[in-house]
Protein backbone atom coordinates (compact mmCIF):
# COMPACT_ATOMS: atom_id res chain seq x y z
CA MET A 1 5.28 -63.72 12.46
CA SER A 2 1.88 -64.08 14.09
CA ARG A 3 1.59 -65.69 17.51
CA LEU A 4 -1.26 -67.93 16.36
CA ARG A 5 -2.58 -68.93 12.96
CA VAL A 6 -5.55 -71.15 12.27
CA GLU A 7 -6.18 -72.41 8.76
CA SER A 8 -9.55 -73.77 7.61
CA LEU A 9 -10.28 -75.12 11.09
CA THR A 10 -13.31 -77.40 10.99
CA ARG A 11 -15.09 -79.58 13.54
CA HIS A 12 -18.05 -81.91 13.01
CA PHE A 13 -20.15 -83.51 15.76
CA ASP A 14 -22.35 -86.35 14.44
CA GLY A 15 -23.16 -84.46 11.27
CA LEU A 16 -23.41 -81.05 12.95
CA VAL A 17 -20.82 -78.56 11.71
CA ALA A 18 -19.69 -76.67 14.82
CA ASN A 19 -16.83 -74.86 13.04
CA ASP A 20 -16.72 -74.52 9.28
CA SER A 21 -13.33 -73.73 7.72
CA ILE A 22 -12.33 -70.88 10.05
CA SER A 23 -9.10 -69.02 9.31
CA PHE A 24 -7.51 -66.05 11.06
CA GLU A 25 -4.26 -64.89 12.66
CA VAL A 26 -3.49 -63.46 16.08
CA PRO A 27 -0.54 -61.03 16.12
CA ALA A 28 1.87 -61.13 19.02
CA GLU A 29 0.94 -57.64 20.17
CA GLY A 30 -2.36 -56.62 21.70
CA VAL A 31 -5.68 -58.18 22.62
CA SER A 32 -7.75 -60.16 20.12
CA ALA A 33 -11.29 -61.40 20.64
CA VAL A 34 -13.71 -63.94 19.19
CA ILE A 35 -17.37 -63.02 19.51
CA GLY A 36 -20.67 -64.34 18.21
CA PRO A 37 -24.18 -65.28 19.35
CA ASN A 38 -24.77 -68.36 21.52
CA GLY A 39 -24.03 -71.51 19.54
CA ALA A 40 -21.68 -69.73 17.12
CA GLY A 41 -18.88 -72.24 17.84
CA LYS A 42 -16.55 -70.09 19.93
CA THR A 43 -15.70 -72.55 22.71
CA THR A 44 -15.30 -75.40 20.21
CA LEU A 45 -12.77 -73.22 18.39
CA PHE A 46 -10.85 -72.57 21.63
CA SER A 47 -10.88 -76.28 22.46
CA MET A 48 -9.29 -77.15 19.11
CA ILE A 49 -6.67 -74.40 19.42
CA SER A 50 -5.69 -75.55 22.93
CA GLY A 51 -5.65 -79.28 22.15
CA PHE A 52 -8.76 -80.35 24.06
CA LEU A 53 -10.52 -81.28 20.80
CA LYS A 54 -9.04 -82.65 17.61
CA PRO A 55 -10.23 -80.83 14.48
CA THR A 56 -12.02 -82.69 11.74
CA ALA A 57 -9.94 -80.67 9.27
CA GLY A 58 -7.63 -77.67 9.22
CA ARG A 59 -4.42 -76.72 11.02
CA VAL A 60 -3.34 -74.80 14.10
CA PHE A 61 0.06 -73.06 14.13
CA PHE A 62 1.49 -71.61 17.33
CA GLU A 63 4.57 -69.44 16.79
CA GLY A 64 5.02 -71.15 13.44
CA GLU A 65 4.86 -74.69 14.84
CA ASP A 66 2.08 -76.99 13.69
CA VAL A 67 0.41 -78.07 16.95
CA THR A 68 -2.77 -79.46 15.37
CA GLY A 69 -4.16 -82.21 17.58
CA ALA A 70 -1.23 -82.07 20.03
CA PRO A 71 -2.05 -82.91 23.67
CA PRO A 72 -3.13 -79.95 25.85
CA GLU A 73 -0.17 -80.41 28.20
CA TYR A 74 2.29 -80.16 25.29
CA ILE A 75 0.60 -77.04 23.96
CA ALA A 76 0.62 -75.50 27.47
CA GLU A 77 4.32 -76.26 27.83
CA ARG A 78 4.94 -74.43 24.55
CA GLY A 79 3.26 -71.37 26.06
CA LEU A 80 -0.40 -71.51 24.98
CA VAL A 81 -2.60 -71.58 28.10
CA ARG A 82 -6.38 -71.32 28.45
CA THR A 83 -9.06 -70.73 31.04
CA PHE A 84 -12.60 -72.13 30.86
CA GLN A 85 -16.17 -70.80 30.87
CA LEU A 86 -16.66 -72.05 34.44
CA ALA A 87 -13.94 -71.47 37.01
CA GLN A 88 -12.04 -74.73 37.52
CA LEU A 89 -10.14 -74.13 40.73
CA PHE A 90 -8.95 -76.44 43.49
CA GLN A 91 -11.61 -75.37 45.93
CA ASN A 92 -9.94 -76.93 48.99
CA LEU A 93 -6.60 -75.23 48.35
CA THR A 94 -5.79 -71.64 49.26
CA VAL A 95 -5.54 -68.82 46.75
CA LEU A 96 -1.75 -69.00 47.02
CA GLU A 97 -1.67 -72.78 46.58
CA ASN A 98 -3.90 -72.58 43.49
CA VAL A 99 -1.51 -70.17 41.81
CA LYS A 100 1.52 -72.26 42.78
CA VAL A 101 -0.12 -75.29 41.16
CA GLY A 102 -0.44 -73.27 37.96
CA ARG A 103 3.33 -72.82 37.96
CA HIS A 104 4.07 -76.55 37.73
CA VAL A 105 4.57 -76.54 33.94
CA ARG A 106 7.57 -74.25 34.47
CA THR A 107 9.22 -76.25 37.26
CA ARG A 108 11.30 -79.43 37.13
CA ALA A 109 11.23 -80.74 40.68
CA SER A 110 10.32 -84.45 40.86
CA LEU A 111 8.88 -86.32 43.85
CA TRP A 112 12.44 -87.21 44.85
CA ALA A 113 13.50 -83.57 44.71
CA ALA A 114 10.47 -82.56 46.78
CA LEU A 115 11.53 -85.05 49.46
CA ALA A 116 15.32 -84.60 49.32
CA ARG A 117 15.10 -80.81 48.81
CA PRO A 118 18.44 -80.19 47.08
CA THR A 119 19.58 -76.56 46.80
CA TRP A 120 18.20 -76.07 43.28
CA ALA A 121 14.79 -77.46 44.31
CA ARG A 122 14.61 -75.12 47.32
CA ARG A 123 15.51 -72.20 45.06
CA GLU A 124 12.84 -73.24 42.56
CA GLU A 125 10.26 -73.51 45.34
CA ALA A 126 11.15 -70.03 46.61
CA GLU A 127 10.87 -68.60 43.10
CA THR A 128 7.46 -70.25 42.68
CA GLU A 129 6.26 -68.78 45.98
CA SER A 130 7.51 -65.31 45.06
CA ARG A 131 5.95 -65.38 41.59
CA ALA A 132 2.64 -66.61 43.00
CA HIS A 133 2.50 -63.67 45.42
CA GLU A 134 3.28 -61.26 42.55
CA LEU A 135 0.43 -62.63 40.45
CA ILE A 136 -2.05 -62.60 43.32
CA ALA A 137 -1.23 -58.93 43.86
CA PHE A 138 -1.47 -58.30 40.11
CA VAL A 139 -5.13 -59.35 40.05
CA GLY A 140 -5.90 -57.64 43.37
CA LEU A 141 -6.23 -60.68 45.65
CA GLU A 142 -3.23 -60.11 47.93
CA ASP A 143 -5.46 -59.85 51.01
CA GLN A 144 -7.04 -63.22 50.21
CA ALA A 145 -3.82 -65.22 49.66
CA GLU A 146 -4.37 -67.59 52.59
CA LEU A 147 -8.11 -68.05 52.10
CA LEU A 148 -9.55 -71.19 50.55
CA ALA A 149 -10.61 -70.75 46.93
CA SER A 150 -14.06 -72.01 47.90
CA SER A 151 -14.54 -69.03 50.23
CA LEU A 152 -14.08 -66.43 47.48
CA PRO A 153 -17.06 -64.77 45.80
CA TYR A 154 -17.46 -65.79 42.18
CA GLY A 155 -15.91 -62.64 40.73
CA GLN A 156 -12.73 -63.18 42.72
CA GLN A 157 -12.63 -66.84 41.69
CA ARG A 158 -12.53 -65.68 38.05
CA LEU A 159 -9.60 -63.40 38.88
CA LEU A 160 -7.85 -66.26 40.67
CA GLU A 161 -8.20 -68.42 37.58
CA VAL A 162 -6.53 -65.70 35.51
CA ALA A 163 -3.68 -65.51 38.04
CA ARG A 164 -3.25 -69.28 37.97
CA ALA A 165 -3.13 -69.28 34.17
CA LEU A 166 -0.52 -66.51 34.22
CA ALA A 167 1.58 -68.61 36.62
CA ALA A 168 2.25 -70.99 33.73
CA GLY A 169 4.13 -68.19 31.97
CA PRO A 170 2.01 -68.13 28.80
CA LYS A 171 3.05 -66.47 25.57
CA LEU A 172 -0.59 -66.65 24.48
CA LEU A 173 -3.44 -66.63 27.01
CA LEU A 174 -6.88 -67.84 25.90
CA LEU A 175 -9.65 -66.45 28.12
CA ASP A 176 -13.02 -68.17 27.73
CA GLU A 177 -15.77 -65.77 28.88
CA PRO A 178 -13.73 -64.31 31.76
CA ALA A 179 -16.45 -61.73 32.58
CA ALA A 180 -19.28 -64.28 32.96
CA GLY A 181 -21.09 -63.60 36.21
CA LEU A 182 -19.18 -60.40 37.00
CA ASN A 183 -20.83 -57.13 37.96
CA HIS A 184 -20.06 -53.77 36.30
CA ASP A 185 -17.17 -52.81 38.58
CA GLU A 186 -15.63 -56.29 38.42
CA THR A 187 -15.83 -56.23 34.63
CA ASP A 188 -14.07 -52.87 34.46
CA HIS A 189 -11.35 -54.22 36.77
CA LEU A 190 -10.98 -57.29 34.57
CA SER A 191 -10.67 -55.12 31.44
CA SER A 192 -7.83 -53.23 33.10
CA ILE A 193 -6.08 -56.47 34.03
CA ILE A 194 -6.37 -57.85 30.48
CA ARG A 195 -4.84 -54.67 29.04
CA ARG A 196 -1.99 -54.86 31.56
CA ILE A 197 -1.35 -58.51 30.67
CA SER A 198 -1.04 -57.48 27.03
CA GLU A 199 1.19 -54.50 27.83
CA GLN A 200 3.56 -56.82 29.71
CA GLY A 201 4.10 -58.91 26.57
CA THR A 202 1.57 -61.75 26.79
CA THR A 203 -0.74 -62.08 23.80
CA VAL A 204 -4.40 -62.34 24.80
CA LEU A 205 -7.22 -63.98 22.83
CA LEU A 206 -10.62 -63.96 24.53
CA ILE A 207 -14.17 -65.14 23.98
CA GLU A 208 -16.73 -62.88 25.58
CA HIS A 209 -20.43 -61.95 25.46
CA ASP A 210 -19.99 -58.65 27.28
CA MET A 211 -19.79 -56.22 24.37
CA LYS A 212 -18.69 -53.30 26.52
CA LEU A 213 -15.69 -55.32 27.71
CA ILE A 214 -14.88 -56.35 24.14
CA MET A 215 -15.14 -52.86 22.68
CA ASN A 216 -13.11 -51.32 25.52
CA THR A 217 -10.43 -54.00 25.60
CA ALA A 218 -9.87 -55.69 22.22
CA ASP A 219 -7.67 -54.32 19.44
CA ARG A 220 -9.14 -56.68 16.85
CA ILE A 221 -12.20 -58.92 16.68
CA VAL A 222 -13.19 -62.08 14.82
CA VAL A 223 -16.94 -62.67 14.57
CA LEU A 224 -18.48 -66.14 14.23
CA ASN A 225 -22.06 -67.08 13.40
CA PHE A 226 -23.36 -70.63 12.95
CA GLY A 227 -19.77 -71.90 12.98
CA ARG A 228 -18.50 -69.61 10.24
CA LYS A 229 -16.37 -66.48 10.32
CA ILE A 230 -18.51 -63.59 9.07
CA ALA A 231 -16.30 -60.60 9.91
CA GLU A 232 -12.90 -59.58 11.18
CA GLY A 233 -11.46 -56.18 12.01
CA LYS A 234 -11.08 -53.36 14.51
CA PRO A 235 -13.86 -52.76 17.07
CA GLU A 236 -15.11 -49.64 15.28
CA ASP A 237 -15.44 -51.60 12.02
CA ILE A 238 -17.19 -54.55 13.67
CA GLN A 239 -19.78 -52.26 15.31
CA THR A 240 -21.05 -51.11 11.93
CA ASP A 241 -20.66 -54.32 9.91
CA PRO A 242 -24.08 -55.24 8.43
CA GLN A 243 -23.48 -59.01 8.74
CA VAL A 244 -22.54 -58.66 12.40
CA ILE A 245 -25.57 -56.50 13.17
CA GLU A 246 -27.80 -59.06 11.43
CA ALA A 247 -26.19 -61.93 13.36
CA TYR A 248 -27.09 -60.19 16.60
CA LEU A 249 -30.67 -59.74 15.38
CA GLY A 250 -30.38 -56.00 15.10
CA GLY A 251 -28.74 -55.67 18.48
CA VAL A 252 -26.88 -52.46 17.60
CA GLY A 253 -27.08 -51.25 21.19
CA MET A 254 -25.54 -54.47 22.42
CA LEU A 255 -22.64 -54.11 20.00
CA HIS A 256 -21.99 -50.62 21.30
CA GLY A 257 -22.01 -51.88 24.90
């Protein structure tokens, strides 16, 4: 069974068709990607999958469950978690605190438990702290754990957002342009992290403009143009697909990274 299946997903905005009957599946194993020129409808698609936008038509199935139009918090609790194009961190909290906040969908402590601190709540808090430190180290920010998020350079803020998303224990992680604003070395580091996330059992679906990252990281690619799916396949097939090359206005070099 696929991790995610979208069927004829469609979204209209005041007569504009942002997504037009898009269908594809994301297998549980590996890294999948959605690419396309600016305005192709990629972020709108992610927003419908993750519950932030209701589709005009079509269905979204996560692990076989129809989650079409379900609230984002419900979808996140089921194990589908996303990041955004712009880092959305708690700037006045530390790196460690940001990641601990991301863990809240997997904890059960209420305000009363936080005040009374029964044994199970103290154990849960310790587990949250330990997992947060593991994830900070996983993305390479262990030396910044006690720094405020606002003090991090932008590239490290993107990595922190990935760590915070992982804290929610996702089965499927949606990454919306995670390499935006990163330099060459930071992008290579991010590619390595994404592959490691996949190898540890979390399915990854990403939107990205950096073709080198896509070609080096993704196992399969869906291509959108003007809100429609125009191609789907392995990176080597996408690189030579005539419709894809035309969509990128002959940008063969860009497709090859």
